[in-house]
Amino acid sequence: MTTFTGSDDLQGAEFVDANLRGARFVRTDLSGVVMRAVDVQEADIDAPWLFDGASFLRINGVDVIPLVEAELNRRFPGRAERHAEDPDGLRAAWAALERSWAATLERVEGMPPGSVDVSVDGEWSFAQTLRHLVMATDTWLGRAIREIAQPYHPLGQPNAEYETDGYDLAVFSADTPSYAEVLEVRPGRVAMVRDFLATVTP
């Protein structure tokens, strides 16, 4: 299979009668892409920034962003409040997230041993996801809000672009921690956010 990387500039390329069946796009900028008379059955798109700013994603002339937004809000209690404009709204949203995560952790406890370390289709395992949430909390609350010079716990899992974005990977441990170690650190980060929101004012 042909692989294109960041060194390949395909911006503005045109694909006509091309067979892209089964192609995989990872950390790829597809903004502004126009597709006409295409077969996209069984396509699977994960676009975390889909809801940022004034944008659209049209399929057969229909902007599907509002539909996706409504369905995700239905599936994940508290998600709709992520843009809360007052401390009470933020506290309510965080409480809903904590309840959802508690249920998720309980469900994972009942899964076969080793399930937390299984990666599906190249995505992070459950344990790695929890480690990244540790790192994300340290980034947004520790560094951005509290302005701590070095807020990172060594167990954190940085995103793939962390080093290429100019950050030092040395702050993170090269060793893979056990799931038990992850479970020791993650609740502390959850509590950090809860404690911050408990005292935040408008």
Protein backbone atom coordinates (compact mmCIF):
# COMPACT_ATOMS: atom_id res chain seq x y z
CA MET A 1 0.00 0.00 0.00
CA THR A 2 1.34 3.44 -0.94
CA THR A 3 1.92 5.71 2.05
CA PHE A 4 1.94 9.50 1.87
CA THR A 5 3.43 11.50 4.77
CA GLY A 6 3.88 15.14 5.75
CA SER A 7 6.68 15.46 3.21
CA ASP A 8 4.23 14.78 0.37
CA ASP A 9 2.31 17.89 -0.67
CA LEU A 10 -1.05 16.79 -2.07
CA GLN A 11 -2.74 20.14 -1.47
CA GLY A 12 -5.02 20.96 -4.38
CA ALA A 13 -4.54 17.51 -5.92
CA GLU A 14 -7.33 16.14 -8.08
CA PHE A 15 -8.35 12.50 -8.04
CA VAL A 16 -10.44 11.42 -11.05
CA ASP A 17 -11.72 7.85 -11.37
CA ALA A 18 -9.27 6.96 -8.61
CA ASN A 19 -9.77 3.95 -6.36
CA LEU A 20 -9.29 5.02 -2.73
CA ARG A 21 -11.24 2.10 -1.30
CA GLY A 22 -9.88 1.16 2.12
CA ALA A 23 -7.56 4.20 2.27
CA ARG A 24 -6.79 5.50 5.75
CA PHE A 25 -6.22 9.18 6.57
CA VAL A 26 -4.58 9.88 9.95
CA ARG A 27 -3.89 13.44 11.23
CA THR A 28 -4.65 14.65 7.71
CA ASP A 29 -6.04 18.03 6.69
CA LEU A 30 -9.10 17.37 4.52
CA SER A 31 -10.70 20.77 5.10
CA GLY A 32 -12.24 22.21 1.95
CA VAL A 33 -12.15 18.87 0.17
CA VAL A 34 -14.84 18.61 -2.51
CA MET A 35 -16.18 15.18 -3.48
CA ARG A 36 -18.58 14.69 -6.37
CA ALA A 37 -20.24 11.47 -7.54
CA VAL A 38 -18.34 9.48 -4.93
CA ASP A 39 -19.13 6.21 -3.20
CA VAL A 40 -18.62 6.71 0.55
CA GLN A 41 -20.54 3.70 1.88
CA GLU A 42 -19.05 2.44 5.16
CA ALA A 43 -16.81 5.51 5.41
CA ASP A 44 -15.84 6.28 9.02
CA ILE A 45 -14.84 9.85 9.91
CA ASP A 46 -13.50 11.03 13.27
CA ALA A 47 -13.17 14.82 13.21
CA PRO A 48 -12.65 16.25 16.74
CA TRP A 49 -12.59 19.85 15.46
CA LEU A 50 -15.74 19.52 13.36
CA PHE A 51 -17.69 21.75 15.74
CA ASP A 52 -15.10 24.52 16.05
CA GLY A 53 -16.07 27.85 14.55
CA ALA A 54 -18.57 28.56 11.79
CA SER A 55 -18.16 25.56 9.52
CA PHE A 56 -20.18 22.94 7.69
CA LEU A 57 -19.97 19.36 6.47
CA ARG A 58 -22.42 18.79 3.67
CA ILE A 59 -23.50 15.39 2.45
CA ASN A 60 -25.80 15.47 -0.56
CA GLY A 61 -26.39 19.16 0.13
CA VAL A 62 -27.32 18.66 3.81
CA ASP A 63 -25.16 20.15 6.57
CA VAL A 64 -24.85 17.20 8.94
CA ILE A 65 -22.97 18.99 11.74
CA PRO A 66 -26.14 19.90 13.71
CA LEU A 67 -27.34 16.29 13.39
CA VAL A 68 -24.03 14.88 14.62
CA GLU A 69 -23.93 17.42 17.44
CA ALA A 70 -27.42 16.48 18.64
CA GLU A 71 -26.70 12.75 18.54
CA LEU A 72 -23.42 13.09 20.44
CA ASN A 73 -25.18 15.19 23.08
CA ARG A 74 -27.79 12.44 23.40
CA ARG A 75 -25.15 9.75 23.79
CA PHE A 76 -22.93 11.58 26.25
CA PRO A 77 -24.69 13.29 29.18
CA GLY A 78 -23.06 16.59 30.06
CA ARG A 79 -21.55 17.13 26.63
CA ALA A 80 -24.12 19.79 25.73
CA GLU A 81 -22.96 21.84 28.71
CA ARG A 82 -19.30 21.96 27.61
CA HIS A 83 -19.86 25.53 26.42
CA ALA A 84 -21.48 26.63 29.67
CA GLU A 85 -21.05 30.34 30.27
CA ASP A 86 -21.19 30.33 34.06
CA PRO A 87 -19.46 28.37 36.87
CA ASP A 88 -22.63 26.50 37.86
CA GLY A 89 -23.01 25.21 34.32
CA LEU A 90 -19.39 24.08 34.23
CA ARG A 91 -19.72 22.33 37.58
CA ALA A 92 -22.87 20.53 36.38
CA ALA A 93 -21.11 19.45 33.18
CA TRP A 94 -18.09 18.14 35.08
CA ALA A 95 -20.28 16.24 37.52
CA ALA A 96 -22.03 14.56 34.58
CA LEU A 97 -18.66 13.62 33.09
CA GLU A 98 -17.50 12.15 36.37
CA ARG A 99 -20.63 9.98 36.53
CA SER A 100 -20.07 8.78 32.96
CA TRP A 101 -16.43 7.94 33.65
CA ALA A 102 -17.32 6.10 36.84
CA ALA A 103 -19.72 3.90 34.87
CA THR A 104 -17.10 3.35 32.16
CA LEU A 105 -14.42 2.32 34.67
CA GLU A 106 -16.86 -0.06 36.32
CA ARG A 107 -17.66 -1.63 32.97
CA VAL A 108 -13.95 -2.02 32.16
CA GLU A 109 -13.37 -3.80 35.47
CA GLY A 110 -15.63 -6.59 34.25
CA MET A 111 -13.77 -7.10 30.98
CA PRO A 112 -11.22 -9.89 30.41
CA PRO A 113 -7.68 -9.29 31.75
CA GLY A 114 -5.53 -7.31 29.32
CA SER A 115 -8.47 -5.63 27.60
CA VAL A 116 -7.28 -2.21 28.78
CA ASP A 117 -4.10 -2.59 26.72
CA VAL A 118 -5.75 -3.65 23.47
CA SER A 119 -5.45 -1.24 20.55
CA VAL A 120 -8.12 -1.35 17.83
CA ASP A 121 -7.31 -0.11 14.31
CA GLY A 122 -4.21 1.72 15.54
CA GLU A 123 -6.12 3.79 18.10
CA TRP A 124 -4.97 4.18 21.68
CA SER A 125 -5.86 1.49 24.15
CA PHE A 126 -8.11 2.33 27.10
CA ALA A 127 -5.08 2.65 29.39
CA GLN A 128 -3.35 4.97 26.93
CA THR A 129 -6.51 7.07 26.66
CA LEU A 130 -6.57 7.55 30.44
CA ARG A 131 -2.87 8.48 30.33
CA HIS A 132 -3.59 11.07 27.65
CA LEU A 133 -6.36 12.56 29.78
CA VAL A 134 -3.76 12.98 32.54
CA MET A 135 -1.56 14.83 30.07
CA ALA A 136 -4.50 16.89 28.75
CA THR A 137 -5.45 17.98 32.27
CA ASP A 138 -1.86 18.99 32.93
CA THR A 139 -1.79 20.96 29.67
CA TRP A 140 -5.05 22.87 30.02
CA LEU A 141 -5.40 23.28 33.77
CA GLY A 142 -1.80 23.03 34.89
CA ARG A 143 0.00 24.95 32.16
CA ALA A 144 -2.61 27.12 30.42
CA ILE A 145 -4.72 28.18 33.42
CA ARG A 146 -2.45 27.86 36.44
CA GLU A 147 0.67 28.68 34.39
CA ILE A 148 2.82 26.01 36.03
CA ALA A 149 6.15 25.87 34.22
CA GLN A 150 6.37 22.07 34.24
CA PRO A 151 2.93 20.65 35.08
CA TYR A 152 3.32 17.20 33.55
CA HIS A 153 3.14 13.89 35.35
CA PRO A 154 5.67 11.48 33.78
CA LEU A 155 2.93 8.89 33.29
CA GLY A 156 1.04 11.15 30.85
CA GLN A 157 0.61 10.10 27.22
CA PRO A 158 1.47 12.93 24.80
CA ASN A 159 -0.25 13.28 21.46
CA ALA A 160 1.55 12.13 18.33
CA GLU A 161 2.46 15.67 17.25
CA TYR A 162 3.86 16.70 20.65
CA GLU A 163 7.55 16.43 19.74
CA THR A 164 7.19 17.75 16.17
CA ASP A 165 5.33 20.76 17.63
CA GLY A 166 8.54 21.60 19.47
CA TYR A 167 7.86 20.20 22.94
CA ASP A 168 10.21 18.11 25.06
CA LEU A 169 9.24 14.46 25.33
CA ALA A 170 11.77 13.98 28.11
CA VAL A 171 9.21 15.08 30.70
CA PHE A 172 7.34 11.83 30.07
CA SER A 173 8.51 8.38 31.13
CA ALA A 174 9.70 6.06 28.37
CA ASP A 175 8.45 3.08 30.36
CA THR A 176 4.88 1.85 30.02
CA PRO A 177 3.13 2.03 33.40
CA SER A 178 0.82 -0.67 34.66
CA TYR A 179 -2.91 -0.09 34.54
CA ALA A 180 -2.93 0.00 38.33
CA GLU A 181 -0.45 2.90 38.22
CA VAL A 182 -2.65 4.72 35.71
CA LEU A 183 -5.64 4.30 38.01
CA GLU A 184 -3.65 5.83 40.85
CA VAL A 185 -2.87 9.01 38.90
CA ARG A 186 -6.02 9.67 36.87
CA PRO A 187 -8.42 10.25 39.84
CA GLY A 188 -6.08 12.93 41.14
CA ARG A 189 -6.36 14.84 37.88
CA VAL A 190 -10.15 14.48 37.93
CA ALA A 191 -10.16 15.91 41.45
CA MET A 192 -7.92 18.79 40.36
CA VAL A 193 -10.54 19.91 37.84
CA ARG A 194 -13.37 19.42 40.36
CA ASP A 195 -11.54 21.45 42.98
CA PHE A 196 -10.77 24.22 40.51
CA LEU A 197 -14.39 24.45 39.39
CA ALA A 198 -15.61 24.44 42.98
CA THR A 199 -14.02 27.82 43.63
CA VAL A 200 -14.05 29.44 40.18
CA THR A 201 -16.08 32.64 39.83
CA PRO A 202 -17.57 34.37 36.80
